[in-house]
Amino acid sequence: MLREYLSWSSACGLVAVLAACSNAGGDLGPGPTTTNAVTVNLFLDRDGSLTYTPLDTVFAGARVALLISGSSDTLKAVTSNSVGTARFDKVPLGQYRVTVVPASIGDSIEVQQIIDSANIRVRAVDTNTVVLIRLGYPEVSIREARALPAGKRVFIRGKVLGGALFRDSTTHVADTSGQIRLTRVSLRGGLTTTNPGDSVSVIGETSSRAGQPTLDEAAISKLSTRPPPQALAISSGTAANANIGLLDAALVQVTSVLISDTSTVAPDFRVVASDGSGDLTIILDGNLNFVRSNFRPGRSIIVKGLLVPDGQGGWVLKPRDLGDVTLL
């Protein structure tokens, strides 16, 4: 796709879109010409980087309109082709405005940026005026994502809480507004894993699992490496109800909880422990190589992990790795 994108502008070249193809410095001519063109290139920003990257795709099928500046009169409308280009030939000299017909790009996609400008001037000295349009999915905070109805495709940005994926292909992400569980996760851009603290962009579809909001079919793109997040220290009773749901998907820690029961729930291992404020179920993921015989009733432990709803009105705590559990 990158090769196709770079071939968009034969007259100017993509690198020169903002420079050599600028419209500054010409005088308006006396009348129409058959040699001037306007080329509009469209791409879908799939990784939320705000620029074209190999993870993005050109956008075919968008209906692009060239409007006479200062009015709603359409000079011409063209549909972008298989390489994301809508070309207007034989454009008379004058000033125009470029727009994209919303219905042609779908309900979940929006025009996020028109580079260099939506307003262009076709001059006598021009042979081809190039406009670059970035399309994308709506970007929302995690709090907003959690409140949306199911089926909305959105972008979020945040930091990874979970690191490597659990065996059910889930992980958790937080921003300043809250946290959310990502389900059916895929990693983009050559990523094989994520680390706690990684700054990421995520595109996914609003959904729910076990009674709590999720972002489903979540595709993660890494933006940068950041320090690991800090866990919130809470009691076992508060963890068991996620502070009445407010801490769903949060990274928390319970200290000096006493094990009362254990059992294998294949392929996972279940531990019940309490600090006196209420029983908390701890699930050791089947992907993690804990020595299960070490978790004996009567033994005290410190556990850090992510809160996951159990589907019955409560929450379980899932350690992310072996280092999240300390046996005392």
Protein backbone atom coordinates (compact mmCIF):
# COMPACT_ATOMS: atom_id res chain seq x y z
CA MET A 1 0.00 0.00 0.00
CA LEU A 2 2.83 2.40 0.72
CA ARG A 3 4.12 2.01 -2.85
CA GLU A 4 0.64 2.84 -4.17
CA TYR A 5 0.43 5.82 -1.87
CA LEU A 6 3.80 7.16 -2.96
CA SER A 7 2.72 6.93 -6.60
CA TRP A 8 -0.31 9.14 -6.07
CA SER A 9 1.28 12.37 -7.26
CA SER A 10 3.31 11.95 -10.42
CA ALA A 11 3.54 15.70 -10.95
CA CYS A 12 4.60 16.66 -7.44
CA GLY A 13 5.48 13.53 -5.45
CA LEU A 14 4.09 12.89 -1.96
CA VAL A 15 7.06 14.50 -0.24
CA ALA A 16 6.42 17.69 -2.17
CA VAL A 17 2.70 17.93 -1.46
CA LEU A 18 3.22 20.63 1.14
CA ALA A 19 5.99 22.42 -0.76
CA ALA A 20 6.40 22.12 -4.53
CA CYS A 21 2.66 21.65 -5.02
CA SER A 22 1.67 24.69 -2.98
CA ASN A 23 -0.51 27.32 -4.63
CA ALA A 24 1.42 30.41 -3.55
CA GLY A 25 2.92 32.89 -5.96
CA GLY A 26 0.73 32.75 -9.10
CA ASP A 27 -1.61 35.30 -10.64
CA LEU A 28 -5.13 34.50 -11.74
CA GLY A 29 -5.43 34.08 -15.46
CA PRO A 30 -8.05 35.57 -17.75
CA GLY A 31 -10.22 32.51 -18.24
CA PRO A 32 -10.60 28.72 -18.23
CA THR A 33 -7.84 26.36 -19.20
CA THR A 34 -7.95 22.68 -20.13
CA THR A 35 -4.55 21.86 -18.66
CA ASN A 36 -5.19 22.40 -14.94
CA ALA A 37 -6.14 19.53 -12.65
CA VAL A 38 -6.92 18.96 -8.99
CA THR A 39 -5.83 15.61 -7.51
CA VAL A 40 -7.24 14.51 -4.17
CA ASN A 41 -5.56 11.58 -2.38
CA LEU A 42 -7.33 9.87 0.53
CA PHE A 43 -6.03 7.46 3.15
CA LEU A 44 -7.50 5.79 6.22
CA ASP A 45 -5.38 6.44 9.33
CA ARG A 46 -5.66 2.95 10.84
CA ASP A 47 -3.04 3.38 13.57
CA GLY A 48 -3.98 6.87 14.75
CA SER A 49 -0.49 8.22 14.04
CA LEU A 50 -1.93 11.30 12.24
CA THR A 51 0.42 10.63 9.30
CA TYR A 52 0.54 8.01 6.57
CA THR A 53 2.35 4.84 7.67
CA PRO A 54 2.59 1.29 6.28
CA LEU A 55 -0.24 0.32 8.66
CA ASP A 56 -2.63 2.68 6.89
CA THR A 57 -4.55 2.06 3.66
CA VAL A 58 -5.57 4.19 0.72
CA PHE A 59 -9.32 4.77 0.57
CA ALA A 60 -11.33 3.81 -2.51
CA GLY A 61 -14.97 4.66 -3.09
CA ALA A 62 -15.09 8.06 -1.39
CA ARG A 63 -17.20 10.64 -3.22
CA VAL A 64 -15.14 13.84 -3.39
CA ALA A 65 -16.72 17.12 -4.45
CA LEU A 66 -15.06 20.25 -5.80
CA LEU A 67 -17.17 23.24 -4.77
CA ILE A 68 -16.87 26.81 -5.96
CA SER A 69 -15.43 28.80 -3.08
CA GLY A 70 -17.92 30.93 -1.18
CA SER A 71 -20.91 28.92 -2.33
CA SER A 72 -22.46 25.48 -2.19
CA ASP A 73 -22.29 25.06 -5.96
CA THR A 74 -20.56 21.84 -6.99
CA LEU A 75 -18.29 22.10 -10.00
CA LYS A 76 -17.78 18.35 -10.17
CA ALA A 77 -17.84 15.21 -8.02
CA VAL A 78 -15.49 12.25 -8.48
CA THR A 79 -15.21 8.87 -6.74
CA SER A 80 -11.76 7.87 -5.48
CA ASN A 81 -10.27 4.93 -7.37
CA SER A 82 -8.54 1.76 -6.16
CA VAL A 83 -5.41 3.69 -5.11
CA GLY A 84 -7.39 6.33 -3.21
CA THR A 85 -7.21 9.07 -5.85
CA ALA A 86 -9.99 11.37 -7.04
CA ARG A 87 -8.78 13.47 -9.98
CA PHE A 88 -10.53 16.49 -11.42
CA ASP A 89 -9.40 17.36 -14.95
CA LYS A 90 -9.97 20.53 -17.01
CA VAL A 91 -10.64 22.67 -13.94
CA PRO A 92 -11.23 26.37 -14.77
CA LEU A 93 -9.08 28.95 -13.04
CA GLY A 94 -10.54 30.08 -9.75
CA GLN A 95 -10.97 29.28 -6.07
CA TYR A 96 -12.51 26.05 -4.85
CA ARG A 97 -13.29 24.04 -1.76
CA VAL A 98 -12.76 20.28 -1.42
CA THR A 99 -15.26 18.18 0.54
CA VAL A 100 -16.00 14.49 1.03
CA VAL A 101 -19.59 13.25 0.93
CA PRO A 102 -20.09 11.65 4.40
CA ALA A 103 -22.43 8.92 3.16
CA SER A 104 -19.71 7.63 0.83
CA ILE A 105 -17.22 6.80 3.62
CA GLY A 106 -19.55 5.09 6.09
CA ASP A 107 -21.09 5.97 9.43
CA SER A 108 -18.01 5.14 11.50
CA ILE A 109 -15.43 7.05 9.46
CA GLU A 110 -14.92 10.81 9.36
CA VAL A 111 -12.73 13.36 7.65
CA GLN A 112 -10.11 14.20 10.27
CA GLN A 113 -7.75 16.43 8.30
CA ILE A 114 -7.44 18.03 4.89
CA ILE A 115 -3.77 18.69 4.16
CA ASP A 116 -2.69 21.41 3.18
CA SER A 117 -6.09 23.11 3.04
CA ALA A 118 -9.67 22.46 2.03
CA ASN A 119 -9.57 25.77 0.15
CA ILE A 120 -7.49 25.81 -3.02
CA ARG A 121 -6.80 28.24 -5.85
CA VAL A 122 -6.26 27.01 -9.40
CA ARG A 123 -3.91 29.41 -11.22
CA ALA A 124 -2.56 29.83 -14.72
CA VAL A 125 0.84 28.49 -13.68
CA ASP A 126 -0.52 25.29 -12.16
CA THR A 127 -0.65 21.96 -13.92
CA ASN A 128 -1.81 19.88 -10.97
CA THR A 129 -2.95 20.96 -7.49
CA VAL A 130 -2.66 18.13 -4.95
CA VAL A 131 -4.77 17.78 -1.81
CA LEU A 132 -4.22 15.06 0.81
CA ILE A 133 -7.12 13.94 3.00
CA ARG A 134 -6.77 11.88 6.17
CA LEU A 135 -9.80 9.82 7.13
CA GLY A 136 -10.16 8.09 10.47
CA TYR A 137 -12.43 6.62 13.07
CA PRO A 138 -13.75 8.93 15.82
CA GLU A 139 -11.29 9.27 18.70
CA VAL A 140 -12.82 9.16 22.18
CA SER A 141 -11.66 8.91 25.77
CA ILE A 142 -11.99 5.57 27.54
CA ARG A 143 -14.79 6.98 29.67
CA GLU A 144 -16.65 7.97 26.50
CA ALA A 145 -15.96 4.58 24.90
CA ARG A 146 -17.42 2.77 27.92
CA ALA A 147 -20.64 4.83 27.62
CA LEU A 148 -21.18 4.28 23.88
CA PRO A 149 -23.72 1.76 22.57
CA ALA A 150 -22.40 -1.51 21.19
CA GLY A 151 -21.16 -1.64 17.62
CA LYS A 152 -19.38 1.72 17.39
CA ARG A 153 -15.89 1.59 15.86
CA VAL A 154 -13.63 4.07 17.65
CA PHE A 155 -10.05 5.00 18.46
CA ILE A 156 -8.70 5.31 21.97
CA ARG A 157 -5.21 6.23 23.20
CA GLY A 158 -3.76 5.18 26.50
CA LYS A 159 -1.18 3.11 28.35
CA VAL A 160 -1.10 -0.65 28.57
CA LEU A 161 -1.91 -2.07 32.00
CA GLY A 162 -1.66 -5.74 31.16
CA GLY A 163 1.47 -6.40 29.14
CA ALA A 164 1.40 -9.82 27.45
CA LEU A 165 -2.05 -11.05 26.47
CA PHE A 166 -3.97 -13.47 28.67
CA ARG A 167 -4.83 -16.82 27.09
CA ASP A 168 -8.26 -15.46 26.04
CA SER A 169 -6.56 -12.71 23.96
CA THR A 170 -7.45 -9.89 26.34
CA THR A 171 -5.53 -7.06 27.93
CA HIS A 172 -6.36 -3.75 29.61
CA VAL A 173 -5.64 -0.12 28.74
CA ALA A 174 -6.09 3.08 30.75
CA ASP A 175 -6.11 6.83 30.16
CA THR A 176 -6.75 9.74 32.51
CA SER A 177 -10.51 9.14 32.30
CA GLY A 178 -10.59 5.45 33.19
CA GLN A 179 -9.71 1.96 32.05
CA ILE A 180 -11.20 -0.69 29.77
CA ARG A 181 -10.66 -4.33 28.84
CA LEU A 182 -9.71 -5.12 25.25
CA THR A 183 -11.03 -8.39 23.83
CA ARG A 184 -9.95 -10.45 20.79
CA VAL A 185 -6.80 -8.39 20.65
CA SER A 186 -4.40 -8.25 17.69
CA LEU A 187 -1.02 -6.52 17.57
CA ARG A 188 -0.02 -4.37 14.61
CA GLY A 189 3.20 -3.06 13.16
CA GLY A 190 5.25 -6.18 13.82
CA LEU A 191 4.49 -6.22 17.57
CA THR A 192 4.71 -9.63 19.22
CA THR A 193 3.83 -8.41 22.71
CA THR A 194 3.13 -5.27 24.69
CA ASN A 195 4.66 -4.14 27.96
CA PRO A 196 2.97 -2.45 30.93
CA GLY A 197 3.22 1.31 30.42
CA ASP A 198 3.49 1.23 26.62
CA SER A 199 1.72 4.19 25.05
CA VAL A 200 -0.63 2.82 22.40
CA SER A 201 -3.44 3.65 20.05
CA VAL A 202 -6.26 1.14 19.79
CA ILE A 203 -9.01 0.77 17.26
CA GLY A 204 -11.90 -1.47 18.18
CA GLU A 205 -15.63 -1.90 18.36
CA THR A 206 -17.58 -1.04 21.50
CA SER A 207 -19.02 -4.16 23.06
CA SER A 208 -19.46 -5.87 26.43
CA ARG A 209 -18.42 -9.08 28.13
CA ALA A 210 -19.58 -10.46 31.48
CA GLY A 211 -21.72 -7.38 31.97
CA GLN A 212 -18.99 -4.74 31.56
CA PRO A 213 -18.00 -2.53 28.58
CA THR A 214 -15.15 -3.71 26.38
CA LEU A 215 -13.46 -2.76 23.15
CA ASP A 216 -13.73 -5.80 20.92
CA GLU A 217 -11.56 -6.89 17.98
CA ALA A 218 -9.06 -4.39 19.36
CA ALA A 219 -6.02 -3.71 17.18
CA ILE A 220 -3.10 -2.23 19.15
CA SER A 221 -0.40 -0.01 17.64
CA LYS A 222 2.50 1.03 19.83
CA LEU A 223 3.34 4.74 19.96
CA SER A 224 6.13 4.87 22.56
CA THR A 225 7.63 3.20 25.62
CA ARG A 226 6.69 4.63 29.01
CA PRO A 227 7.32 3.64 32.65
CA PRO A 228 5.15 0.83 34.04
CA PRO A 229 1.87 1.91 35.67
CA GLN A 230 1.41 1.86 39.42
CA ALA A 231 -1.17 -0.46 40.97
CA LEU A 232 -3.86 0.95 43.28
CA ALA A 233 -3.70 -0.55 46.76
CA ILE A 234 -7.15 -1.72 47.91
CA SER A 235 -8.69 -4.29 50.26
CA SER A 236 -9.78 -7.76 49.14
CA GLY A 237 -13.44 -6.83 49.74
CA THR A 238 -13.18 -3.72 47.58
CA ALA A 239 -11.43 -5.72 44.85
CA ALA A 240 -14.19 -8.35 44.91
CA ASN A 241 -16.78 -5.77 43.84
CA ALA A 242 -14.33 -3.46 41.99
CA ASN A 243 -15.43 -0.64 44.29
CA ILE A 244 -19.01 -1.12 43.12
CA GLY A 245 -17.84 -1.38 39.52
CA LEU A 246 -15.86 1.84 39.43
CA LEU A 247 -12.58 -0.07 39.22
CA ASP A 248 -13.60 -2.47 36.46
CA ALA A 249 -10.49 -3.30 34.38
CA ALA A 250 -8.20 -1.47 36.83
CA LEU A 251 -4.73 -2.50 37.96
CA VAL A 252 -4.85 -3.06 41.73
CA GLN A 253 -2.91 -4.69 44.56
CA VAL A 254 -4.09 -6.51 47.68
CA THR A 255 -1.65 -7.04 50.52
CA SER A 256 -1.25 -9.89 53.02
CA VAL A 257 -4.34 -11.80 52.02
CA LEU A 258 -4.70 -15.25 53.56
CA ILE A 259 -5.46 -18.20 51.25
CA SER A 260 -8.58 -20.15 52.28
CA ASP A 261 -9.20 -22.35 49.24
CA THR A 262 -7.71 -23.42 45.89
CA SER A 263 -8.96 -25.39 42.90
CA THR A 264 -8.13 -26.10 39.29
CA VAL A 265 -10.55 -24.63 36.78
CA ALA A 266 -8.78 -25.94 33.70
CA PRO A 267 -6.68 -24.52 32.25
CA ASP A 268 -6.55 -21.87 34.99
CA PHE A 269 -6.00 -22.12 38.74
CA ARG A 270 -8.36 -20.54 41.27
CA VAL A 271 -7.24 -19.14 44.63
CA VAL A 272 -9.59 -17.64 47.24
CA ALA A 273 -8.01 -15.27 49.76
CA SER A 274 -9.00 -12.48 52.14
CA ASP A 275 -7.51 -9.76 54.33
CA GLY A 276 -10.60 -9.86 56.55
CA SER A 277 -12.69 -7.45 54.46
CA GLY A 278 -14.15 -10.12 52.16
CA ASP A 279 -13.18 -13.08 50.01
CA LEU A 280 -11.46 -12.36 46.71
CA THR A 281 -11.06 -14.89 43.92
CA ILE A 282 -7.64 -14.79 42.26
CA ILE A 283 -7.33 -16.47 38.85
CA LEU A 284 -3.87 -17.65 37.80
CA ASP A 285 -4.05 -17.64 34.01
CA GLY A 286 -3.25 -20.91 32.25
CA ASN A 287 -0.58 -19.09 30.22
CA LEU A 288 1.45 -18.40 33.37
CA ASN A 289 3.70 -21.08 34.84
CA PHE A 290 2.91 -20.69 38.52
CA VAL A 291 3.91 -23.55 40.82
CA ARG A 292 0.38 -24.25 41.94
CA SER A 293 1.36 -26.42 44.88
CA ASN A 294 2.84 -23.31 46.55
CA PHE A 295 -0.64 -21.84 46.95
CA ARG A 296 -1.72 -23.68 50.09
CA PRO A 297 -4.59 -22.72 52.40
CA GLY A 298 -3.27 -20.81 55.40
CA ARG A 299 -0.47 -19.15 53.42
CA SER A 300 -0.37 -15.34 53.05
CA ILE A 301 0.30 -13.62 49.73
CA ILE A 302 0.59 -10.17 48.14
CA VAL A 303 -1.09 -10.02 44.73
CA LYS A 304 -1.09 -7.40 42.00
CA GLY A 305 -3.29 -7.75 38.93
CA LEU A 306 -6.22 -6.70 36.78
CA LEU A 307 -9.86 -6.75 37.83
CA VAL A 308 -12.07 -8.81 35.52
CA PRO A 309 -15.85 -9.24 35.94
CA ASP A 310 -17.03 -12.78 36.66
CA GLY A 311 -20.42 -12.34 34.98
CA GLN A 312 -22.25 -12.84 38.28
CA GLY A 313 -21.94 -9.33 39.69
CA GLY A 314 -18.47 -9.76 41.16
CA TRP A 315 -14.86 -9.41 40.02
CA VAL A 316 -11.79 -11.63 40.05
CA LEU A 317 -8.17 -10.54 40.20
CA LYS A 318 -5.84 -11.79 37.46
CA PRO A 319 -2.07 -11.41 37.97
CA ARG A 320 -0.28 -10.40 34.75
CA ASP A 321 2.90 -12.41 35.31
CA LEU A 322 4.82 -14.38 37.94
CA GLY A 323 6.24 -11.16 39.42
CA ASP A 324 2.76 -9.97 40.39
CA VAL A 325 2.53 -12.56 43.16
CA THR A 326 4.61 -12.70 46.33
CA LEU A 327 4.18 -15.67 48.66
CA LEU A 328 4.89 -14.86 52.31
